[in-house]
Amino acid sequence: MFEYLTIKHSVTTMAKKATMLVKLVSTAGTGFFFVKKRNPRKQPEKLSFRKYDPKIRKHVEFKEQKLK
């Protein structure tokens, strides 16, 4: 009389995150750092900023390192 339809559910995997967290470490050697997001697909080169280091109270260059 009645026909039941069976519906198969497809399992999809989650997408990878587009951004990753990186640590910007002061080149002055004070150990001060910033944490910033970066999209490695759009920006494959390493980040480098000139920012303020409060430990020596000067603007210095901050270079990217991996966040552990």
PDB file of N, CA and C in Angstrom:
ATOM      1  N   MET A   1       0.798  -1.192   0.000  1.00  0.00           N
ATOM      2  CA  MET A   1       0.000   0.000   0.000  1.00  0.00           C
ATOM      3  C   MET A   1       0.850   1.269   0.000  1.00  0.00           C
ATOM      4  N   PHE A   2       1.604   1.448   1.087  1.00  0.00           N
ATOM      5  CA  PHE A   2       2.465   2.623   1.174  1.00  0.00           C
ATOM      6  C   PHE A   2       3.899   2.223   0.875  1.00  0.00           C
ATOM      7  N   GLU A   3       4.570   3.050   0.141  1.00  0.00           N
ATOM      8  CA  GLU A   3       5.991   2.811  -0.134  1.00  0.00           C
ATOM      9  C   GLU A   3       6.811   3.825   0.658  1.00  0.00           C
ATOM     10  N   TYR A   4       7.754   3.324   1.369  1.00  0.00           N
ATOM     11  CA  TYR A   4       8.609   4.201   2.153  1.00  0.00           C
ATOM     12  C   TYR A   4       9.886   4.484   1.372  1.00  0.00           C
ATOM     13  N   LEU A   5      10.247   5.741   1.335  1.00  0.00           N
ATOM     14  CA  LEU A   5      11.479   6.137   0.658  1.00  0.00           C
ATOM     15  C   LEU A   5      12.615   6.168   1.665  1.00  0.00           C
ATOM     16  N   THR A   6      13.715   5.609   1.310  1.00  0.00           N
ATOM     17  CA  THR A   6      14.880   5.664   2.183  1.00  0.00           C
ATOM     18  C   THR A   6      15.785   6.796   1.697  1.00  0.00           C
ATOM     19  N   ILE A   7      16.164   7.624   2.606  1.00  0.00           N
ATOM     20  CA  ILE A   7      17.025   8.756   2.280  1.00  0.00           C
ATOM     21  C   ILE A   7      18.400   8.489   2.878  1.00  0.00           C
ATOM     22  N   LYS A   8      19.402   8.530   2.027  1.00  0.00           N
ATOM     23  CA  LYS A   8      20.771   8.335   2.495  1.00  0.00           C
ATOM     24  C   LYS A   8      21.383   9.696   2.802  1.00  0.00           C
ATOM     25  N   HIS A   9      21.961   9.790   3.967  1.00  0.00           N
ATOM     26  CA  HIS A   9      22.621  11.032   4.361  1.00  0.00           C
ATOM     27  C   HIS A   9      24.081  10.949   3.969  1.00  0.00           C
ATOM     28  N   SER A  10      24.531  11.947   3.266  1.00  0.00           N
ATOM     29  CA  SER A  10      25.952  11.963   2.901  1.00  0.00           C
ATOM     30  C   SER A  10      26.732  12.691   3.989  1.00  0.00           C
ATOM     31  N   VAL A  11      27.856  12.152   4.335  1.00  0.00           N
ATOM     32  CA  VAL A  11      28.706  12.742   5.361  1.00  0.00           C
ATOM     33  C   VAL A  11      29.719  13.638   4.661  1.00  0.00           C
ATOM     34  N   THR A  12      29.715  14.900   5.045  1.00  0.00           N
ATOM     35  CA  THR A  12      30.686  15.838   4.467  1.00  0.00           C
ATOM     36  C   THR A  12      31.725  16.187   5.519  1.00  0.00           C
ATOM     37  N   THR A  13      32.922  16.445   5.064  1.00  0.00           N
ATOM     38  CA  THR A  13      33.983  16.809   5.988  1.00  0.00           C
ATOM     39  C   THR A  13      34.017  18.317   6.145  1.00  0.00           C
ATOM     40  N   MET A  14      34.529  18.740   7.268  1.00  0.00           N
ATOM     41  CA  MET A  14      34.625  20.167   7.554  1.00  0.00           C
ATOM     42  C   MET A  14      35.771  20.779   6.757  1.00  0.00           C
ATOM     43  N   ALA A  15      35.619  22.020   6.413  1.00  0.00           N
ATOM     44  CA  ALA A  15      36.667  22.738   5.684  1.00  0.00           C
ATOM     45  C   ALA A  15      37.762  23.171   6.649  1.00  0.00           C
ATOM     46  N   LYS A  16      38.979  23.317   6.130  1.00  0.00           N
ATOM     47  CA  LYS A  16      40.078  23.809   6.958  1.00  0.00           C
ATOM     48  C   LYS A  16      39.901  25.296   7.204  1.00  0.00           C
ATOM     49  N   LYS A  17      40.428  25.764   8.314  1.00  0.00           N
ATOM     50  CA  LYS A  17      40.369  27.186   8.599  1.00  0.00           C
ATOM     51  C   LYS A  17      41.258  27.935   7.619  1.00  0.00           C
ATOM     52  N   ALA A  18      40.789  29.079   7.190  1.00  0.00           N
ATOM     53  CA  ALA A  18      41.546  29.868   6.217  1.00  0.00           C
ATOM     54  C   ALA A  18      42.678  30.647   6.888  1.00  0.00           C
ATOM     55  N   THR A  19      42.522  30.944   8.181  1.00  0.00           N
ATOM     56  CA  THR A  19      43.534  31.742   8.869  1.00  0.00           C
ATOM     57  C   THR A  19      44.282  30.898   9.893  1.00  0.00           C
ATOM     58  N   MET A  20      45.488  31.323  10.185  1.00  0.00           N
ATOM     59  CA  MET A  20      46.274  30.678  11.230  1.00  0.00           C
ATOM     60  C   MET A  20      46.871  31.763  12.123  1.00  0.00           C
ATOM     61  N   LEU A  21      47.121  31.437  13.368  1.00  0.00           N
ATOM     62  CA  LEU A  21      47.708  32.384  14.296  1.00  0.00           C
ATOM     63  C   LEU A  21      49.229  32.324  14.199  1.00  0.00           C
ATOM     64  N   VAL A  22      49.857  33.499  14.173  1.00  0.00           N
ATOM     65  CA  VAL A  22      51.314  33.577  14.166  1.00  0.00           C
ATOM     66  C   VAL A  22      51.757  34.542  15.260  1.00  0.00           C
ATOM     67  N   LYS A  23      52.990  34.378  15.687  1.00  0.00           N
ATOM     68  CA  LYS A  23      53.554  35.232  16.727  1.00  0.00           C
ATOM     69  C   LYS A  23      54.530  36.194  16.077  1.00  0.00           C
ATOM     70  N   LEU A  24      54.368  37.497  16.342  1.00  0.00           N
ATOM     71  CA  LEU A  24      55.297  38.519  15.855  1.00  0.00           C
ATOM     72  C   LEU A  24      56.227  38.882  17.010  1.00  0.00           C
ATOM     73  N   VAL A  25      57.505  38.521  16.886  1.00  0.00           N
ATOM     74  CA  VAL A  25      58.478  38.696  17.963  1.00  0.00           C
ATOM     75  C   VAL A  25      59.349  39.912  17.683  1.00  0.00           C
ATOM     76  N   SER A  26      59.639  40.660  18.726  1.00  0.00           N
ATOM     77  CA  SER A  26      60.472  41.852  18.614  1.00  0.00           C
ATOM     78  C   SER A  26      61.906  41.473  18.234  1.00  0.00           C
ATOM     79  N   THR A  27      62.483  42.213  17.281  1.00  0.00           N
ATOM     80  CA  THR A  27      63.877  41.973  16.886  1.00  0.00           C
ATOM     81  C   THR A  27      64.853  42.615  17.866  1.00  0.00           C
ATOM     82  N   ALA A  28      64.342  43.386  18.831  1.00  0.00           N
ATOM     83  CA  ALA A  28      65.206  44.001  19.830  1.00  0.00           C
ATOM     84  C   ALA A  28      65.674  42.995  20.869  1.00  0.00           C
ATOM     85  N   GLY A  29      65.067  41.811  20.885  1.00  0.00           N
ATOM     86  CA  GLY A  29      65.490  40.769  21.815  1.00  0.00           C
ATOM     87  C   GLY A  29      64.901  40.893  23.199  1.00  0.00           C
ATOM     88  N   THR A  30      63.809  41.641  23.354  1.00  0.00           N
ATOM     89  CA  THR A  30      63.199  41.814  24.668  1.00  0.00           C
ATOM     90  C   THR A  30      62.262  40.673  25.031  1.00  0.00           C
ATOM     91  N   GLY A  31      61.858  39.878  24.049  1.00  0.00           N
ATOM     92  CA  GLY A  31      60.919  38.794  24.305  1.00  0.00           C
ATOM     93  C   GLY A  31      59.471  39.210  24.168  1.00  0.00           C
ATOM     94  N   PHE A  32      59.225  40.486  23.874  1.00  0.00           N
ATOM     95  CA  PHE A  32      57.863  40.985  23.700  1.00  0.00           C
ATOM     96  C   PHE A  32      57.333  40.519  22.346  1.00  0.00           C
ATOM     97  N   PHE A  33      56.044  40.132  22.288  1.00  0.00           N
ATOM     98  CA  PHE A  33      55.477  39.649  21.030  1.00  0.00           C
ATOM     99  C   PHE A  33      54.007  40.003  20.919  1.00  0.00           C
ATOM    100  N   PHE A  34      53.513  40.026  19.681  1.00  0.00           N
ATOM    101  CA  PHE A  34      52.106  40.179  19.355  1.00  0.00           C
ATOM    102  C   PHE A  34      51.626  38.880  18.729  1.00  0.00           C
ATOM    103  N   VAL A  35      50.330  38.582  18.831  1.00  0.00           N
ATOM    104  CA  VAL A  35      49.741  37.436  18.150  1.00  0.00           C
ATOM    105  C   VAL A  35      48.786  37.996  17.105  1.00  0.00           C
ATOM    106  N   LYS A  36      48.908  37.498  15.871  1.00  0.00           N
ATOM    107  CA  LYS A  36      48.119  38.025  14.763  1.00  0.00           C
ATOM    108  C   LYS A  36      47.613  36.885  13.894  1.00  0.00           C
ATOM    109  N   LYS A  37      46.480  37.089  13.224  1.00  0.00           N
ATOM    110  CA  LYS A  37      45.951  36.106  12.283  1.00  0.00           C
ATOM    111  C   LYS A  37      46.522  36.373  10.901  1.00  0.00           C
ATOM    112  N   ARG A  38      46.766  35.282  10.155  1.00  0.00           N
ATOM    113  CA  ARG A  38      47.295  35.414   8.800  1.00  0.00           C
ATOM    114  C   ARG A  38      46.666  34.339   7.932  1.00  0.00           C
ATOM    115  N   ASN A  39      46.313  34.700   6.696  1.00  0.00           N
ATOM    116  CA  ASN A  39      45.774  33.740   5.738  1.00  0.00           C
ATOM    117  C   ASN A  39      46.925  33.289   4.843  1.00  0.00           C
ATOM    118  N   PRO A  40      47.418  32.055   4.999  1.00  0.00           N
ATOM    119  CA  PRO A  40      48.573  31.607   4.222  1.00  0.00           C
ATOM    120  C   PRO A  40      48.271  31.414   2.736  1.00  0.00           C
ATOM    121  N   ARG A  41      47.011  31.271   2.371  1.00  0.00           N
ATOM    122  CA  ARG A  41      46.667  31.118   0.957  1.00  0.00           C
ATOM    123  C   ARG A  41      46.797  32.438   0.207  1.00  0.00           C
ATOM    124  N   LYS A  42      46.385  33.523   0.839  1.00  0.00           N
ATOM    125  CA  LYS A  42      46.438  34.830   0.192  1.00  0.00           C
ATOM    126  C   LYS A  42      47.759  35.547   0.423  1.00  0.00           C
ATOM    127  N   GLN A  43      48.446  35.218   1.517  1.00  0.00           N
ATOM    128  CA  GLN A  43      49.679  35.913   1.887  1.00  0.00           C
ATOM    129  C   GLN A  43      50.742  34.878   2.247  1.00  0.00           C
ATOM    130  N   PRO A  44      51.392  34.277   1.253  1.00  0.00           N
ATOM    131  CA  PRO A  44      52.345  33.202   1.544  1.00  0.00           C
ATOM    132  C   PRO A  44      53.653  33.667   2.186  1.00  0.00           C
ATOM    133  N   GLU A  45      54.018  34.942   2.018  1.00  0.00           N
ATOM    134  CA  GLU A  45      55.275  35.421   2.611  1.00  0.00           C
ATOM    135  C   GLU A  45      55.084  35.708   4.104  1.00  0.00           C
ATOM    136  N   LYS A  46      56.193  35.703   4.833  1.00  0.00           N
ATOM    137  CA  LYS A  46      56.134  35.929   6.273  1.00  0.00           C
ATOM    138  C   LYS A  46      55.846  37.394   6.571  1.00  0.00           C
ATOM    139  N   LEU A  47      55.150  37.626   7.698  1.00  0.00           N
ATOM    140  CA  LEU A  47      54.798  38.990   8.091  1.00  0.00           C
ATOM    141  C   LEU A  47      55.969  39.681   8.761  1.00  0.00           C
ATOM    142  N   SER A  48      56.038  40.982   8.568  1.00  0.00           N
ATOM    143  CA  SER A  48      57.050  41.804   9.216  1.00  0.00           C
ATOM    144  C   SER A  48      56.456  43.197   9.396  1.00  0.00           C
ATOM    145  N   PHE A  49      56.401  43.674  10.635  1.00  0.00           N
ATOM    146  CA  PHE A  49      55.824  44.981  10.934  1.00  0.00           C
ATOM    147  C   PHE A  49      56.791  45.799  11.765  1.00  0.00           C
ATOM    148  N   ARG A  50      56.668  47.111  11.655  1.00  0.00           N
ATOM    149  CA  ARG A  50      57.393  48.012  12.536  1.00  0.00           C
ATOM    150  C   ARG A  50      56.375  48.515  13.555  1.00  0.00           C
ATOM    151  N   LYS A  51      56.520  48.038  14.803  1.00  0.00           N
ATOM    152  CA  LYS A  51      55.559  48.351  15.857  1.00  0.00           C
ATOM    153  C   LYS A  51      56.289  48.775  17.125  1.00  0.00           C
ATOM    154  N   TYR A  52      55.509  49.218  18.099  1.00  0.00           N
ATOM    155  CA  TYR A  52      56.051  49.725  19.351  1.00  0.00           C
ATOM    156  C   TYR A  52      56.352  48.583  20.313  1.00  0.00           C
ATOM    157  N   ASP A  53      57.569  48.601  20.873  1.00  0.00           N
ATOM    158  CA  ASP A  53      57.967  47.640  21.901  1.00  0.00           C
ATOM    159  C   ASP A  53      57.997  48.386  23.235  1.00  0.00           C
ATOM    160  N   PRO A  54      57.044  48.117  24.144  1.00  0.00           N
ATOM    161  CA  PRO A  54      56.973  48.873  25.397  1.00  0.00           C
ATOM    162  C   PRO A  54      58.119  48.602  26.369  1.00  0.00           C
ATOM    163  N   LYS A  55      58.829  47.503  26.193  1.00  0.00           N
ATOM    164  CA  LYS A  55      59.930  47.196  27.118  1.00  0.00           C
ATOM    165  C   LYS A  55      61.125  48.117  26.899  1.00  0.00           C
ATOM    166  N   ILE A  56      61.374  48.514  25.655  1.00  0.00           N
ATOM    167  CA  ILE A  56      62.476  49.449  25.391  1.00  0.00           C
ATOM    168  C   ILE A  56      61.958  50.828  24.987  1.00  0.00           C
ATOM    169  N   ARG A  57      60.612  50.966  24.923  1.00  0.00           N
ATOM    170  CA  ARG A  57      59.927  52.222  24.608  1.00  0.00           C
ATOM    171  C   ARG A  57      60.382  52.816  23.278  1.00  0.00           C
ATOM    172  N   LYS A  58      60.462  51.955  22.247  1.00  0.00           N
ATOM    173  CA  LYS A  58      60.830  52.389  20.899  1.00  0.00           C
ATOM    174  C   LYS A  58      60.057  51.570  19.876  1.00  0.00           C
ATOM    175  N   HIS A  59      59.999  52.072  18.654  1.00  0.00           N
ATOM    176  CA  HIS A  59      59.450  51.312  17.541  1.00  0.00           C
ATOM    177  C   HIS A  59      60.564  50.452  16.958  1.00  0.00           C
ATOM    178  N   VAL A  60      60.307  49.157  16.851  1.00  0.00           N
ATOM    179  CA  VAL A  60      61.271  48.222  16.275  1.00  0.00           C
ATOM    180  C   VAL A  60      60.537  47.300  15.317  1.00  0.00           C
ATOM    181  N   GLU A  61      61.285  46.526  14.554  1.00  0.00           N
ATOM    182  CA  GLU A  61      60.681  45.588  13.625  1.00  0.00           C
ATOM    183  C   GLU A  61      60.292  44.302  14.363  1.00  0.00           C
ATOM    184  N   PHE A  62      59.119  43.812  14.031  1.00  0.00           N
ATOM    185  CA  PHE A  62      58.617  42.552  14.575  1.00  0.00           C
ATOM    186  C   PHE A  62      58.539  41.566  13.430  1.00  0.00           C
ATOM    187  N   LYS A  63      59.114  40.362  13.613  1.00  0.00           N
ATOM    188  CA  LYS A  63      59.110  39.352  12.569  1.00  0.00           C
ATOM    189  C   LYS A  63      58.310  38.145  13.016  1.00  0.00           C
ATOM    190  N   GLU A  64      57.769  37.432  12.027  1.00  0.00           N
ATOM    191  CA  GLU A  64      56.889  36.297  12.295  1.00  0.00           C
ATOM    192  C   GLU A  64      57.640  35.061  12.736  1.00  0.00           C
ATOM    193  N   GLN A  65      57.071  34.378  13.744  1.00  0.00           N
ATOM    194  CA  GLN A  65      57.511  33.051  14.162  1.00  0.00           C
ATOM    195  C   GLN A  65      56.263  32.203  14.331  1.00  0.00           C
ATOM    196  N   LYS A  66      56.434  30.882  14.302  1.00  0.00           N
ATOM    197  CA  LYS A  66      55.288  30.008  14.518  1.00  0.00           C
ATOM    198  C   LYS A  66      54.856  30.078  15.980  1.00  0.00           C
ATOM    199  N   LEU A  67      53.550  30.042  16.173  1.00  0.00           N
ATOM    200  CA  LEU A  67      52.985  30.026  17.514  1.00  0.00           C
ATOM    201  C   LEU A  67      53.000  28.591  18.006  1.00  0.00           C
ATOM    202  N   LYS A  68      53.630  28.327  19.135  1.00  0.00           N
ATOM    203  CA  LYS A  68      53.756  26.954  19.646  1.00  0.00           C
ATOM    204  C   LYS A  68      52.609  26.630  20.570  1.00  0.00           C
TER     205      LYS A  68
END
